[in-house]
Amino acid sequence: MQKFGLFGIKKEMTQLWVNGAYTPVTLVQIPEQEVIRYKTQEKDKYEALVVGVDKKESGKEKGQKVSYGTMAEFVVTSDFAENYPA
């Protein structure tokens, strides 16, 4: 079984009228996410995706420099990495 993740930002709490009663709900914003790299068994000793959020670019006149506000790894199987190349 593979487990995947997704970044979400909690925006607010509210309530909806469902089946004759109010139900509390959380509104979540899904920011733009980018797969930065794959970690491989040969190089890193395990398979994983590195995902970045909140992309920041700087140094445009000297060449592009990219950094991310938040990054996380999601462990995947080698089958996933073969089927979804970077």
PDB file of N, CA and C in Angstrom:
ATOM      1  N   MET A   1       0.834  -1.176   0.000  1.00  0.00           N
ATOM      2  CA  MET A   1       0.000   0.000   0.000  1.00  0.00           C
ATOM      3  C   MET A   1       0.883   1.244   0.000  1.00  0.00           C
ATOM      4  N   GLN A   2       0.583   2.174  -0.904  1.00  0.00           N
ATOM      5  CA  GLN A   2       1.331   3.424  -0.960  1.00  0.00           C
ATOM      6  C   GLN A   2       0.566   4.514  -0.233  1.00  0.00           C
ATOM      7  N   LYS A   3       1.310   5.371   0.442  1.00  0.00           N
ATOM      8  CA  LYS A   3       0.711   6.519   1.105  1.00  0.00           C
ATOM      9  C   LYS A   3       1.232   7.768   0.429  1.00  0.00           C
ATOM     10  N   PHE A   4       0.343   8.674   0.124  1.00  0.00           N
ATOM     11  CA  PHE A   4       0.729   9.923  -0.499  1.00  0.00           C
ATOM     12  C   PHE A   4       0.292  11.073   0.383  1.00  0.00           C
ATOM     13  N   GLY A   5       0.865  12.214   0.160  1.00  0.00           N
ATOM     14  CA  GLY A   5       0.529  13.383   0.944  1.00  0.00           C
ATOM     15  C   GLY A   5       0.227  14.567   0.053  1.00  0.00           C
ATOM     16  N   LEU A   6      -0.310  15.573   0.667  1.00  0.00           N
ATOM     17  CA  LEU A   6      -0.665  16.793  -0.028  1.00  0.00           C
ATOM     18  C   LEU A   6      -0.554  17.923   0.974  1.00  0.00           C
ATOM     19  N   PHE A   7       0.022  19.025   0.561  1.00  0.00           N
ATOM     20  CA  PHE A   7       0.094  20.185   1.444  1.00  0.00           C
ATOM     21  C   PHE A   7      -1.236  20.909   1.410  1.00  0.00           C
ATOM     22  N   GLY A   8      -1.675  21.362   2.558  1.00  0.00           N
ATOM     23  CA  GLY A   8      -2.890  22.158   2.651  1.00  0.00           C
ATOM     24  C   GLY A   8      -2.724  23.242   3.697  1.00  0.00           C
ATOM     25  N   ILE A   9      -3.354  24.392   3.455  1.00  0.00           N
ATOM     26  CA  ILE A   9      -3.301  25.507   4.390  1.00  0.00           C
ATOM     27  C   ILE A   9      -4.702  25.731   4.933  1.00  0.00           C
ATOM     28  N   LYS A  10      -4.853  25.635   6.247  1.00  0.00           N
ATOM     29  CA  LYS A  10      -6.151  25.845   6.863  1.00  0.00           C
ATOM     30  C   LYS A  10      -6.523  27.314   6.750  1.00  0.00           C
ATOM     31  N   LYS A  11      -7.678  27.589   6.125  1.00  0.00           N
ATOM     32  CA  LYS A  11      -8.107  28.964   5.926  1.00  0.00           C
ATOM     33  C   LYS A  11      -9.075  29.420   7.014  1.00  0.00           C
ATOM     34  N   GLU A  12     -10.108  28.644   7.259  1.00  0.00           N
ATOM     35  CA  GLU A  12     -11.084  29.037   8.271  1.00  0.00           C
ATOM     36  C   GLU A  12     -12.009  27.868   8.607  1.00  0.00           C
ATOM     37  N   MET A  13     -12.724  28.034   9.695  1.00  0.00           N
ATOM     38  CA  MET A  13     -13.756  27.071  10.094  1.00  0.00           C
ATOM     39  C   MET A  13     -15.103  27.693   9.776  1.00  0.00           C
ATOM     40  N   THR A  14     -16.052  26.866   9.370  1.00  0.00           N
ATOM     41  CA  THR A  14     -17.405  27.327   9.115  1.00  0.00           C
ATOM     42  C   THR A  14     -18.349  26.163   9.372  1.00  0.00           C
ATOM     43  N   GLN A  15     -19.591  26.304   8.999  1.00  0.00           N
ATOM     44  CA  GLN A  15     -20.541  25.213   9.163  1.00  0.00           C
ATOM     45  C   GLN A  15     -21.484  25.179   7.973  1.00  0.00           C
ATOM     46  N   LEU A  16     -21.939  23.980   7.636  1.00  0.00           N
ATOM     47  CA  LEU A  16     -22.871  23.763   6.541  1.00  0.00           C
ATOM     48  C   LEU A  16     -24.115  23.072   7.076  1.00  0.00           C
ATOM     49  N   TRP A  17     -25.245  23.368   6.446  1.00  0.00           N
ATOM     50  CA  TRP A  17     -26.506  22.726   6.809  1.00  0.00           C
ATOM     51  C   TRP A  17     -26.593  21.423   6.021  1.00  0.00           C
ATOM     52  N   VAL A  18     -26.477  20.268   6.709  1.00  0.00           N
ATOM     53  CA  VAL A  18     -26.510  18.960   6.076  1.00  0.00           C
ATOM     54  C   VAL A  18     -27.481  18.071   6.832  1.00  0.00           C
ATOM     55  N   ASN A  19     -28.448  17.501   6.112  1.00  0.00           N
ATOM     56  CA  ASN A  19     -29.439  16.575   6.692  1.00  0.00           C
ATOM     57  C   ASN A  19     -30.134  17.158   7.916  1.00  0.00           C
ATOM     58  N   GLY A  20     -30.526  18.418   7.846  1.00  0.00           N
ATOM     59  CA  GLY A  20     -31.290  19.031   8.919  1.00  0.00           C
ATOM     60  C   GLY A  20     -30.487  19.463  10.129  1.00  0.00           C
ATOM     61  N   ALA A  21     -29.161  19.509  10.021  1.00  0.00           N
ATOM     62  CA  ALA A  21     -28.336  19.937  11.159  1.00  0.00           C
ATOM     63  C   ALA A  21     -27.081  20.623  10.626  1.00  0.00           C
ATOM     64  N   TYR A  22     -26.532  21.494  11.441  1.00  0.00           N
ATOM     65  CA  TYR A  22     -25.275  22.136  11.075  1.00  0.00           C
ATOM     66  C   TYR A  22     -24.111  21.173  11.309  1.00  0.00           C
ATOM     67  N   THR A  23     -23.201  21.137  10.339  1.00  0.00           N
ATOM     68  CA  THR A  23     -22.023  20.288  10.429  1.00  0.00           C
ATOM     69  C   THR A  23     -20.781  21.175  10.336  1.00  0.00           C
ATOM     70  N   PRO A  24     -19.873  21.087  11.308  1.00  0.00           N
ATOM     71  CA  PRO A  24     -18.663  21.908  11.229  1.00  0.00           C
ATOM     72  C   PRO A  24     -17.737  21.417  10.107  1.00  0.00           C
ATOM     73  N   VAL A  25     -17.175  22.357   9.359  1.00  0.00           N
ATOM     74  CA  VAL A  25     -16.240  22.025   8.287  1.00  0.00           C
ATOM     75  C   VAL A  25     -15.034  22.961   8.347  1.00  0.00           C
ATOM     76  N   THR A  26     -13.928  22.497   7.837  1.00  0.00           N
ATOM     77  CA  THR A  26     -12.707  23.293   7.737  1.00  0.00           C
ATOM     78  C   THR A  26     -12.440  23.566   6.272  1.00  0.00           C
ATOM     79  N   LEU A  27     -12.243  24.823   5.917  1.00  0.00           N
ATOM     80  CA  LEU A  27     -11.900  25.185   4.552  1.00  0.00           C
ATOM     81  C   LEU A  27     -10.380  25.160   4.420  1.00  0.00           C
ATOM     82  N   VAL A  28      -9.913  24.407   3.435  1.00  0.00           N
ATOM     83  CA  VAL A  28      -8.477  24.203   3.242  1.00  0.00           C
ATOM     84  C   VAL A  28      -8.109  24.647   1.829  1.00  0.00           C
ATOM     85  N   GLN A  29      -7.033  25.419   1.714  1.00  0.00           N
ATOM     86  CA  GLN A  29      -6.510  25.833   0.415  1.00  0.00           C
ATOM     87  C   GLN A  29      -5.343  24.916   0.063  1.00  0.00           C
ATOM     88  N   ILE A  30      -5.327  24.418  -1.175  1.00  0.00           N
ATOM     89  CA  ILE A  30      -4.234  23.576  -1.651  1.00  0.00           C
ATOM     90  C   ILE A  30      -3.313  24.461  -2.494  1.00  0.00           C
ATOM     91  N   PRO A  31      -2.106  24.769  -1.997  1.00  0.00           N
ATOM     92  CA  PRO A  31      -1.201  25.638  -2.759  1.00  0.00           C
ATOM     93  C   PRO A  31      -0.557  24.894  -3.924  1.00  0.00           C
ATOM     94  N   GLU A  32       0.032  25.642  -4.838  1.00  0.00           N
ATOM     95  CA  GLU A  32       0.746  25.048  -5.963  1.00  0.00           C
ATOM     96  C   GLU A  32       1.946  24.266  -5.433  1.00  0.00           C
ATOM     97  N   GLN A  33       2.083  23.025  -5.900  1.00  0.00           N
ATOM     98  CA  GLN A  33       3.132  22.137  -5.419  1.00  0.00           C
ATOM     99  C   GLN A  33       3.938  21.618  -6.606  1.00  0.00           C
ATOM    100  N   GLU A  34       5.208  21.363  -6.377  1.00  0.00           N
ATOM    101  CA  GLU A  34       6.084  20.932  -7.457  1.00  0.00           C
ATOM    102  C   GLU A  34       6.994  19.813  -6.967  1.00  0.00           C
ATOM    103  N   VAL A  35       7.112  18.767  -7.783  1.00  0.00           N
ATOM    104  CA  VAL A  35       8.058  17.703  -7.459  1.00  0.00           C
ATOM    105  C   VAL A  35       9.447  18.230  -7.802  1.00  0.00           C
ATOM    106  N   ILE A  36      10.290  18.353  -6.790  1.00  0.00           N
ATOM    107  CA  ILE A  36      11.621  18.910  -6.970  1.00  0.00           C
ATOM    108  C   ILE A  36      12.577  17.846  -7.492  1.00  0.00           C
ATOM    109  N   ARG A  37      12.519  16.664  -6.887  1.00  0.00           N
ATOM    110  CA  ARG A  37      13.396  15.577  -7.336  1.00  0.00           C
ATOM    111  C   ARG A  37      12.906  14.241  -6.804  1.00  0.00           C
ATOM    112  N   TYR A  38      13.413  13.186  -7.408  1.00  0.00           N
ATOM    113  CA  TYR A  38      13.200  11.831  -6.928  1.00  0.00           C
ATOM    114  C   TYR A  38      14.460  11.394  -6.187  1.00  0.00           C
ATOM    115  N   LYS A  39      14.283  10.764  -5.061  1.00  0.00           N
ATOM    116  CA  LYS A  39      15.408  10.115  -4.388  1.00  0.00           C
ATOM    117  C   LYS A  39      15.388   8.656  -4.834  1.00  0.00           C
ATOM    118  N   THR A  40      16.566   8.126  -5.141  1.00  0.00           N
ATOM    119  CA  THR A  40      16.643   6.784  -5.702  1.00  0.00           C
ATOM    120  C   THR A  40      17.353   5.830  -4.753  1.00  0.00           C
ATOM    121  N   GLN A  41      17.100   4.558  -4.983  1.00  0.00           N
ATOM    122  CA  GLN A  41      17.704   3.498  -4.167  1.00  0.00           C
ATOM    123  C   GLN A  41      19.220   3.517  -4.315  1.00  0.00           C
ATOM    124  N   GLU A  42      19.717   3.745  -5.520  1.00  0.00           N
ATOM    125  CA  GLU A  42      21.158   3.710  -5.772  1.00  0.00           C
ATOM    126  C   GLU A  42      21.890   4.845  -5.050  1.00  0.00           C
ATOM    127  N   LYS A  43      21.334   6.031  -5.115  1.00  0.00           N
ATOM    128  CA  LYS A  43      22.036   7.194  -4.567  1.00  0.00           C
ATOM    129  C   LYS A  43      21.706   7.462  -3.097  1.00  0.00           C
ATOM    130  N   ASP A  44      20.417   7.348  -2.723  1.00  0.00           N
ATOM    131  CA  ASP A  44      19.970   7.748  -1.384  1.00  0.00           C
ATOM    132  C   ASP A  44      19.577   6.585  -0.481  1.00  0.00           C
ATOM    133  N   LYS A  45      19.607   5.369  -0.995  1.00  0.00           N
ATOM    134  CA  LYS A  45      19.276   4.146  -0.251  1.00  0.00           C
ATOM    135  C   LYS A  45      17.784   3.968   0.033  1.00  0.00           C
ATOM    136  N   TYR A  46      16.935   4.813  -0.589  1.00  0.00           N
ATOM    137  CA  TYR A  46      15.481   4.641  -0.506  1.00  0.00           C
ATOM    138  C   TYR A  46      14.833   5.446  -1.626  1.00  0.00           C
ATOM    139  N   GLU A  47      13.571   5.105  -1.944  1.00  0.00           N
ATOM    140  CA  GLU A  47      12.823   5.785  -2.997  1.00  0.00           C
ATOM    141  C   GLU A  47      11.901   6.818  -2.358  1.00  0.00           C
ATOM    142  N   ALA A  48      11.932   8.059  -2.856  1.00  0.00           N
ATOM    143  CA  ALA A  48      11.059   9.103  -2.321  1.00  0.00           C
ATOM    144  C   ALA A  48      10.914  10.241  -3.322  1.00  0.00           C
ATOM    145  N   LEU A  49       9.832  10.992  -3.175  1.00  0.00           N
ATOM    146  CA  LEU A  49       9.624  12.231  -3.911  1.00  0.00           C
ATOM    147  C   LEU A  49       9.919  13.382  -2.968  1.00  0.00           C
ATOM    148  N   VAL A  50      10.557  14.422  -3.451  1.00  0.00           N
ATOM    149  CA  VAL A  50      10.739  15.640  -2.672  1.00  0.00           C
ATOM    150  C   VAL A  50       9.821  16.677  -3.305  1.00  0.00           C
ATOM    151  N   VAL A  51       8.878  17.194  -2.507  1.00  0.00           N
ATOM    152  CA  VAL A  51       7.873  18.136  -2.991  1.00  0.00           C
ATOM    153  C   VAL A  51       8.111  19.489  -2.338  1.00  0.00           C
ATOM    154  N   GLY A  52       8.020  20.545  -3.144  1.00  0.00           N
ATOM    155  CA  GLY A  52       8.223  21.899  -2.631  1.00  0.00           C
ATOM    156  C   GLY A  52       6.991  22.763  -2.817  1.00  0.00           C
ATOM    157  N   VAL A  53       6.784  23.678  -1.860  1.00  0.00           N
ATOM    158  CA  VAL A  53       5.665  24.621  -1.883  1.00  0.00           C
ATOM    159  C   VAL A  53       6.226  26.013  -1.629  1.00  0.00           C
ATOM    160  N   ASP A  54       5.554  27.023  -2.118  1.00  0.00           N
ATOM    161  CA  ASP A  54       5.940  28.424  -1.899  1.00  0.00           C
ATOM    162  C   ASP A  54       7.276  28.709  -2.589  1.00  0.00           C
ATOM    163  N   LYS A  55       7.266  28.545  -3.918  1.00  0.00           N
ATOM    164  CA  LYS A  55       8.469  28.716  -4.730  1.00  0.00           C
ATOM    165  C   LYS A  55       8.897  30.183  -4.766  1.00  0.00           C
ATOM    166  N   LYS A  56      10.201  30.409  -4.567  1.00  0.00           N
ATOM    167  CA  LYS A  56      10.760  31.754  -4.604  1.00  0.00           C
ATOM    168  C   LYS A  56      11.934  31.759  -5.576  1.00  0.00           C
ATOM    169  N   GLU A  57      11.916  32.707  -6.507  1.00  0.00           N
ATOM    170  CA  GLU A  57      12.990  32.820  -7.480  1.00  0.00           C
ATOM    171  C   GLU A  57      13.747  34.116  -7.223  1.00  0.00           C
ATOM    172  N   SER A  58      15.066  34.059  -7.329  1.00  0.00           N
ATOM    173  CA  SER A  58      15.870  35.257  -7.117  1.00  0.00           C
ATOM    174  C   SER A  58      17.079  35.238  -8.033  1.00  0.00           C
ATOM    175  N   GLY A  59      17.753  36.372  -8.151  1.00  0.00           N
ATOM    176  CA  GLY A  59      18.961  36.457  -8.964  1.00  0.00           C
ATOM    177  C   GLY A  59      18.703  36.286 -10.440  1.00  0.00           C
ATOM    178  N   LYS A  60      17.629  36.891 -10.951  1.00  0.00           N
ATOM    179  CA  LYS A  60      17.268  36.682 -12.358  1.00  0.00           C
ATOM    180  C   LYS A  60      18.324  37.210 -13.330  1.00  0.00           C
ATOM    181  N   GLU A  61      19.024  38.302 -12.981  1.00  0.00           N
ATOM    182  CA  GLU A  61      20.010  38.835 -13.904  1.00  0.00           C
ATOM    183  C   GLU A  61      21.286  37.998 -13.948  1.00  0.00           C
ATOM    184  N   LYS A  62      21.589  37.241 -12.906  1.00  0.00           N
ATOM    185  CA  LYS A  62      22.805  36.414 -12.859  1.00  0.00           C
ATOM    186  C   LYS A  62      22.521  34.938 -13.140  1.00  0.00           C
ATOM    187  N   GLY A  63      21.306  34.606 -13.369  1.00  0.00           N
ATOM    188  CA  GLY A  63      20.926  33.206 -13.507  1.00  0.00           C
ATOM    189  C   GLY A  63      19.894  32.892 -12.438  1.00  0.00           C
ATOM    190  N   GLN A  64      19.004  32.006 -12.750  1.00  0.00           N
ATOM    191  CA  GLN A  64      17.878  31.734 -11.859  1.00  0.00           C
ATOM    192  C   GLN A  64      18.297  30.942 -10.628  1.00  0.00           C
ATOM    193  N   LYS A  65      17.885  31.396  -9.466  1.00  0.00           N
ATOM    194  CA  LYS A  65      18.090  30.675  -8.215  1.00  0.00           C
ATOM    195  C   LYS A  65      16.697  30.409  -7.638  1.00  0.00           C
ATOM    196  N   VAL A  66      16.413  29.162  -7.337  1.00  0.00           N
ATOM    197  CA  VAL A  66      15.085  28.777  -6.864  1.00  0.00           C
ATOM    198  C   VAL A  66      15.193  28.210  -5.463  1.00  0.00           C
ATOM    199  N   SER A  67      14.293  28.653  -4.575  1.00  0.00           N
ATOM    200  CA  SER A  67      14.201  28.072  -3.238  1.00  0.00           C
ATOM    201  C   SER A  67      12.720  27.879  -2.917  1.00  0.00           C
ATOM    202  N   TYR A  68      12.453  27.094  -1.890  1.00  0.00           N
ATOM    203  CA  TYR A  68      11.077  26.779  -1.514  1.00  0.00           C
ATOM    204  C   TYR A  68      10.879  27.078  -0.037  1.00  0.00           C
ATOM    205  N   GLY A  69       9.701  27.614   0.301  1.00  0.00           N
ATOM    206  CA  GLY A  69       9.398  27.918   1.692  1.00  0.00           C
ATOM    207  C   GLY A  69       9.199  26.655   2.515  1.00  0.00           C
ATOM    208  N   THR A  70       8.611  25.635   1.903  1.00  0.00           N
ATOM    209  CA  THR A  70       8.347  24.371   2.591  1.00  0.00           C
ATOM    210  C   THR A  70       8.682  23.221   1.652  1.00  0.00           C
ATOM    211  N   MET A  71       9.348  22.207   2.185  1.00  0.00           N
ATOM    212  CA  MET A  71       9.648  21.005   1.416  1.00  0.00           C
ATOM    213  C   MET A  71       9.351  19.784   2.275  1.00  0.00           C
ATOM    214  N   ALA A  72       8.979  18.690   1.621  1.00  0.00           N
ATOM    215  CA  ALA A  72       8.725  17.438   2.342  1.00  0.00           C
ATOM    216  C   ALA A  72       9.031  16.267   1.426  1.00  0.00           C
ATOM    217  N   GLU A  73       9.327  15.134   2.037  1.00  0.00           N
ATOM    218  CA  GLU A  73       9.573  13.894   1.301  1.00  0.00           C
ATOM    219  C   GLU A  73       8.390  12.959   1.488  1.00  0.00           C
ATOM    220  N   PHE A  74       8.032  12.281   0.404  1.00  0.00           N
ATOM    221  CA  PHE A  74       7.010  11.258   0.453  1.00  0.00           C
ATOM    222  C   PHE A  74       7.630   9.975  -0.076  1.00  0.00           C
ATOM    223  N   VAL A  75       7.703   8.962   0.746  1.00  0.00           N
ATOM    224  CA  VAL A  75       8.311   7.694   0.355  1.00  0.00           C
ATOM    225  C   VAL A  75       7.386   6.992  -0.635  1.00  0.00           C
ATOM    226  N   VAL A  76       7.962   6.501  -1.740  1.00  0.00           N
ATOM    227  CA  VAL A  76       7.208   5.800  -2.773  1.00  0.00           C
ATOM    228  C   VAL A  76       7.927   4.498  -3.106  1.00  0.00           C
ATOM    229  N   THR A  77       7.271   3.655  -3.885  1.00  0.00           N
ATOM    230  CA  THR A  77       7.895   2.418  -4.346  1.00  0.00           C
ATOM    231  C   THR A  77       8.634   2.657  -5.643  1.00  0.00           C
ATOM    232  N   SER A  78       9.487   1.749  -6.023  1.00  0.00           N
ATOM    233  CA  SER A  78      10.230   1.897  -7.282  1.00  0.00           C
ATOM    234  C   SER A  78       9.289   1.845  -8.482  1.00  0.00           C
ATOM    235  N   ASP A  79       8.154   1.122  -8.371  1.00  0.00           N
ATOM    236  CA  ASP A  79       7.159   1.096  -9.450  1.00  0.00           C
ATOM    237  C   ASP A  79       6.618   2.485  -9.724  1.00  0.00           C
ATOM    238  N   PHE A  80       6.354   3.247  -8.675  1.00  0.00           N
ATOM    239  CA  PHE A  80       5.846   4.608  -8.837  1.00  0.00           C
ATOM    240  C   PHE A  80       6.869   5.480  -9.552  1.00  0.00           C
ATOM    241  N   ALA A  81       8.115   5.409  -9.153  1.00  0.00           N
ATOM    242  CA  ALA A  81       9.158   6.223  -9.761  1.00  0.00           C
ATOM    243  C   ALA A  81       9.351   5.875 -11.241  1.00  0.00           C
ATOM    244  N   GLU A  82       9.200   4.612 -11.609  1.00  0.00           N
ATOM    245  CA  GLU A  82       9.340   4.210 -13.005  1.00  0.00           C
ATOM    246  C   GLU A  82       8.171   4.708 -13.841  1.00  0.00           C
ATOM    247  N   ASN A  83       6.956   4.693 -13.292  1.00  0.00           N
ATOM    248  CA  ASN A  83       5.764   5.088 -14.033  1.00  0.00           C
ATOM    249  C   ASN A  83       5.552   6.590 -14.115  1.00  0.00           C
ATOM    250  N   TYR A  84       6.147   7.348 -13.188  1.00  0.00           N
ATOM    251  CA  TYR A  84       5.980   8.791 -13.153  1.00  0.00           C
ATOM    252  C   TYR A  84       7.350   9.458 -13.074  1.00  0.00           C
ATOM    253  N   PRO A  85       8.058   9.501 -14.197  1.00  0.00           N
ATOM    254  CA  PRO A  85       9.409  10.091 -14.174  1.00  0.00           C
ATOM    255  C   PRO A  85       9.354  11.590 -13.922  1.00  0.00           C
ATOM    256  N   ALA A  86      10.438  12.139 -13.403  1.00  0.00           N
ATOM    257  CA  ALA A  86      10.519  13.574 -13.096  1.00  0.00           C
ATOM    258  C   ALA A  86      10.554  14.396 -14.355  1.00  0.00           C
TER     259      ALA A  86
END
